[in-house]
Amino acid sequence: MKKSVEEDVFIPLYPKSTVEDKSSPRSKFQERRFWSAVKLLSNVVLWDGIVQDDKVRDLGLSKLLNRYLLLNILNTPLGPDNIEKCNKVVACLPERWFQDLKGGSTLPELLNFSQHLLQ
């Protein structure tokens, strides 16, 4: 899993003006790479409870979400596309990770994502 995250994930960052046209090849490529990384995130977190929690959280949150997915989400204009991306990421996260948190708090690895959601 670590090798896939470190070597197979690539989401190019293009200027917003380049990807605003959803039919452009760059925009389509960037979107395909984003959704591929979301699928990898969902596969990584399936190992929750089987592989050590800290390893799954490091790969899924620190490496995939914060290094790749969040950058793309932050560069997506606010609106339905951004909401869909955020919903899909949230749907990947195991509920078990949040059971012992006190109200209003989150996992340290999710702080930047949570701030984006609040905006």
C-alpha atoms as a PDB file:
ATOM      1  CA  MET A   1       0.000   0.000   0.000  1.00  0.00           C
ATOM      2  CA  LYS A   2       2.797   2.384   0.898  1.00  0.00           C
ATOM      3  CA  LYS A   3       4.448   1.817  -2.470  1.00  0.00           C
ATOM      4  CA  SER A   4       1.175   2.539  -4.302  1.00  0.00           C
ATOM      5  CA  VAL A   5       0.621   5.746  -2.371  1.00  0.00           C
ATOM      6  CA  GLU A   6       4.179   6.959  -2.855  1.00  0.00           C
ATOM      7  CA  GLU A   7       4.744   5.890  -6.460  1.00  0.00           C
ATOM      8  CA  ASP A   8       1.385   5.561  -8.206  1.00  0.00           C
ATOM      9  CA  VAL A   9      -0.511   8.631  -7.062  1.00  0.00           C
ATOM     10  CA  PHE A  10      -0.105  11.694  -9.222  1.00  0.00           C
ATOM     11  CA  ILE A  11      -2.570  14.543  -9.448  1.00  0.00           C
ATOM     12  CA  PRO A  12      -1.249  17.413 -11.541  1.00  0.00           C
ATOM     13  CA  LEU A  13      -1.987  20.940 -10.410  1.00  0.00           C
ATOM     14  CA  TYR A  14      -2.845  23.219 -13.277  1.00  0.00           C
ATOM     15  CA  PRO A  15      -3.720  26.908 -13.076  1.00  0.00           C
ATOM     16  CA  LYS A  16      -7.418  27.427 -12.358  1.00  0.00           C
ATOM     17  CA  SER A  17      -7.862  29.112 -15.723  1.00  0.00           C
ATOM     18  CA  THR A  18      -6.672  25.923 -17.431  1.00  0.00           C
ATOM     19  CA  VAL A  19      -9.082  23.566 -15.675  1.00  0.00           C
ATOM     20  CA  GLU A  20     -12.150  25.811 -15.515  1.00  0.00           C
ATOM     21  CA  ASP A  21     -13.154  24.385 -18.879  1.00  0.00           C
ATOM     22  CA  LYS A  22     -14.367  20.934 -17.768  1.00  0.00           C
ATOM     23  CA  SER A  23     -14.080  19.608 -21.315  1.00  0.00           C
ATOM     24  CA  SER A  24     -10.361  20.416 -21.632  1.00  0.00           C
ATOM     25  CA  PRO A  25      -7.970  17.447 -21.686  1.00  0.00           C
ATOM     26  CA  ARG A  26      -6.057  18.803 -18.683  1.00  0.00           C
ATOM     27  CA  SER A  27      -9.212  19.148 -16.613  1.00  0.00           C
ATOM     28  CA  LYS A  28     -10.381  15.651 -17.513  1.00  0.00           C
ATOM     29  CA  PHE A  29      -6.978  14.154 -16.708  1.00  0.00           C
ATOM     30  CA  GLN A  30      -6.806  15.933 -13.366  1.00  0.00           C
ATOM     31  CA  GLU A  31     -10.300  14.722 -12.460  1.00  0.00           C
ATOM     32  CA  ARG A  32      -9.523  11.116 -13.394  1.00  0.00           C
ATOM     33  CA  ARG A  33      -6.374  11.198 -11.266  1.00  0.00           C
ATOM     34  CA  PHE A  34      -8.293  12.713  -8.341  1.00  0.00           C
ATOM     35  CA  TRP A  35     -10.985  10.013  -8.414  1.00  0.00           C
ATOM     36  CA  SER A  36      -8.338   7.325  -8.750  1.00  0.00           C
ATOM     37  CA  ALA A  37      -6.692   8.631  -5.570  1.00  0.00           C
ATOM     38  CA  VAL A  38     -10.086   8.697  -3.783  1.00  0.00           C
ATOM     39  CA  LYS A  39     -10.552   5.043  -4.723  1.00  0.00           C
ATOM     40  CA  LEU A  40      -7.098   4.265  -3.347  1.00  0.00           C
ATOM     41  CA  LEU A  41      -8.029   6.093  -0.130  1.00  0.00           C
ATOM     42  CA  SER A  42     -11.154   3.968   0.216  1.00  0.00           C
ATOM     43  CA  ASN A  43      -9.084   0.814  -0.343  1.00  0.00           C
ATOM     44  CA  VAL A  44      -6.442   1.868   2.190  1.00  0.00           C
ATOM     45  CA  VAL A  45      -8.995   2.523   4.943  1.00  0.00           C
ATOM     46  CA  LEU A  46     -10.584  -0.890   4.320  1.00  0.00           C
ATOM     47  CA  TRP A  47      -7.524  -2.221   6.152  1.00  0.00           C
ATOM     48  CA  ASP A  48      -8.616  -0.368   9.308  1.00  0.00           C
ATOM     49  CA  GLY A  49      -8.684  -2.862  12.158  1.00  0.00           C
ATOM     50  CA  ILE A  50      -6.461  -5.316  10.275  1.00  0.00           C
ATOM     51  CA  VAL A  51      -3.298  -3.252   9.850  1.00  0.00           C
ATOM     52  CA  GLN A  52      -2.065  -1.023  12.690  1.00  0.00           C
ATOM     53  CA  ASP A  53      -4.263   2.070  13.018  1.00  0.00           C
ATOM     54  CA  ASP A  54      -1.358   4.503  12.896  1.00  0.00           C
ATOM     55  CA  LYS A  55      -0.140   2.985   9.601  1.00  0.00           C
ATOM     56  CA  VAL A  56      -3.577   3.196   7.982  1.00  0.00           C
ATOM     57  CA  ARG A  57      -4.111   6.764   9.199  1.00  0.00           C
ATOM     58  CA  ASP A  58      -0.634   7.817   8.060  1.00  0.00           C
ATOM     59  CA  LEU A  59      -1.111   6.414   4.560  1.00  0.00           C
ATOM     60  CA  GLY A  60      -4.726   7.456   4.178  1.00  0.00           C
ATOM     61  CA  LEU A  61      -4.772  10.828   5.857  1.00  0.00           C
ATOM     62  CA  SER A  62      -1.244  12.211   6.049  1.00  0.00           C
ATOM     63  CA  LYS A  63      -0.086  10.963   2.676  1.00  0.00           C
ATOM     64  CA  LEU A  64      -3.144  10.623   0.421  1.00  0.00           C
ATOM     65  CA  LEU A  65      -5.584  13.176   1.792  1.00  0.00           C
ATOM     66  CA  ASN A  66      -3.237  15.926   2.909  1.00  0.00           C
ATOM     67  CA  ARG A  67      -0.593  15.527   0.219  1.00  0.00           C
ATOM     68  CA  TYR A  68      -2.755  14.945  -2.861  1.00  0.00           C
ATOM     69  CA  LEU A  69      -6.504  15.112  -2.426  1.00  0.00           C
ATOM     70  CA  LEU A  70      -6.734  18.234  -0.295  1.00  0.00           C
ATOM     71  CA  LEU A  71      -4.655  20.281  -2.730  1.00  0.00           C
ATOM     72  CA  ASN A  72      -7.056  19.383  -5.514  1.00  0.00           C
ATOM     73  CA  ILE A  73     -10.101  20.102  -3.352  1.00  0.00           C
ATOM     74  CA  LEU A  74      -8.726  23.504  -2.359  1.00  0.00           C
ATOM     75  CA  ASN A  75      -8.145  24.354  -6.027  1.00  0.00           C
ATOM     76  CA  THR A  76     -11.659  23.313  -7.037  1.00  0.00           C
ATOM     77  CA  PRO A  77     -14.052  26.295  -7.098  1.00  0.00           C
ATOM     78  CA  LEU A  78     -16.648  26.226  -4.348  1.00  0.00           C
ATOM     79  CA  GLY A  79     -19.831  24.654  -5.595  1.00  0.00           C
ATOM     80  CA  PRO A  80     -21.349  21.267  -6.411  1.00  0.00           C
ATOM     81  CA  ASP A  81     -18.073  19.719  -7.650  1.00  0.00           C
ATOM     82  CA  ASN A  82     -16.242  20.699  -4.480  1.00  0.00           C
ATOM     83  CA  ILE A  83     -19.072  19.392  -2.303  1.00  0.00           C
ATOM     84  CA  GLU A  84     -19.116  16.083  -4.166  1.00  0.00           C
ATOM     85  CA  LYS A  85     -15.368  15.648  -3.694  1.00  0.00           C
ATOM     86  CA  CYS A  86     -15.594  16.419   0.021  1.00  0.00           C
ATOM     87  CA  ASN A  87     -18.546  14.050   0.479  1.00  0.00           C
ATOM     88  CA  LYS A  88     -16.686  11.194  -1.212  1.00  0.00           C
ATOM     89  CA  VAL A  89     -13.627  11.735   0.975  1.00  0.00           C
ATOM     90  CA  VAL A  90     -15.743  11.842   4.145  1.00  0.00           C
ATOM     91  CA  ALA A  91     -17.554   8.663   3.067  1.00  0.00           C
ATOM     92  CA  CYS A  92     -14.192   6.859   2.996  1.00  0.00           C
ATOM     93  CA  LEU A  93     -13.365   7.623   6.627  1.00  0.00           C
ATOM     94  CA  PRO A  94     -14.192   4.918   9.186  1.00  0.00           C
ATOM     95  CA  GLU A  95     -16.662   6.056  11.854  1.00  0.00           C
ATOM     96  CA  ARG A  96     -14.566   4.240  14.451  1.00  0.00           C
ATOM     97  CA  TRP A  97     -11.868   6.911  14.130  1.00  0.00           C
ATOM     98  CA  PHE A  98     -14.273   9.521  15.502  1.00  0.00           C
ATOM     99  CA  GLN A  99     -15.971   7.636  18.341  1.00  0.00           C
ATOM    100  CA  ASP A 100     -13.672   8.801  21.138  1.00  0.00           C
ATOM    101  CA  LEU A 101     -13.427  12.436  20.043  1.00  0.00           C
ATOM    102  CA  LYS A 102     -15.049  15.140  22.089  1.00  0.00           C
ATOM    103  CA  GLY A 103     -17.568  17.450  20.415  1.00  0.00           C
ATOM    104  CA  GLY A 104     -16.068  19.994  18.065  1.00  0.00           C
ATOM    105  CA  SER A 105     -12.717  18.238  17.790  1.00  0.00           C
ATOM    106  CA  THR A 106     -11.203  16.189  14.999  1.00  0.00           C
ATOM    107  CA  LEU A 107      -8.210  14.039  14.247  1.00  0.00           C
ATOM    108  CA  PRO A 108      -5.000  16.071  13.928  1.00  0.00           C
ATOM    109  CA  GLU A 109      -4.517  14.779  10.372  1.00  0.00           C
ATOM    110  CA  LEU A 110      -7.947  16.127   9.410  1.00  0.00           C
ATOM    111  CA  LEU A 111      -7.488  19.662  10.736  1.00  0.00           C
ATOM    112  CA  ASN A 112      -6.917  21.320   7.335  1.00  0.00           C
ATOM    113  CA  PHE A 113      -9.719  19.334   5.702  1.00  0.00           C
ATOM    114  CA  SER A 114     -12.062  20.242   8.572  1.00  0.00           C
ATOM    115  CA  GLN A 115     -11.214  23.923   8.189  1.00  0.00           C
ATOM    116  CA  HIS A 116     -12.066  23.714   4.494  1.00  0.00           C
ATOM    117  CA  LEU A 117     -15.387  22.058   5.311  1.00  0.00           C
ATOM    118  CA  LEU A 118     -16.213  24.809   7.812  1.00  0.00           C
ATOM    119  CA  GLN A 119     -15.612  27.455   5.169  1.00  0.00           C
END
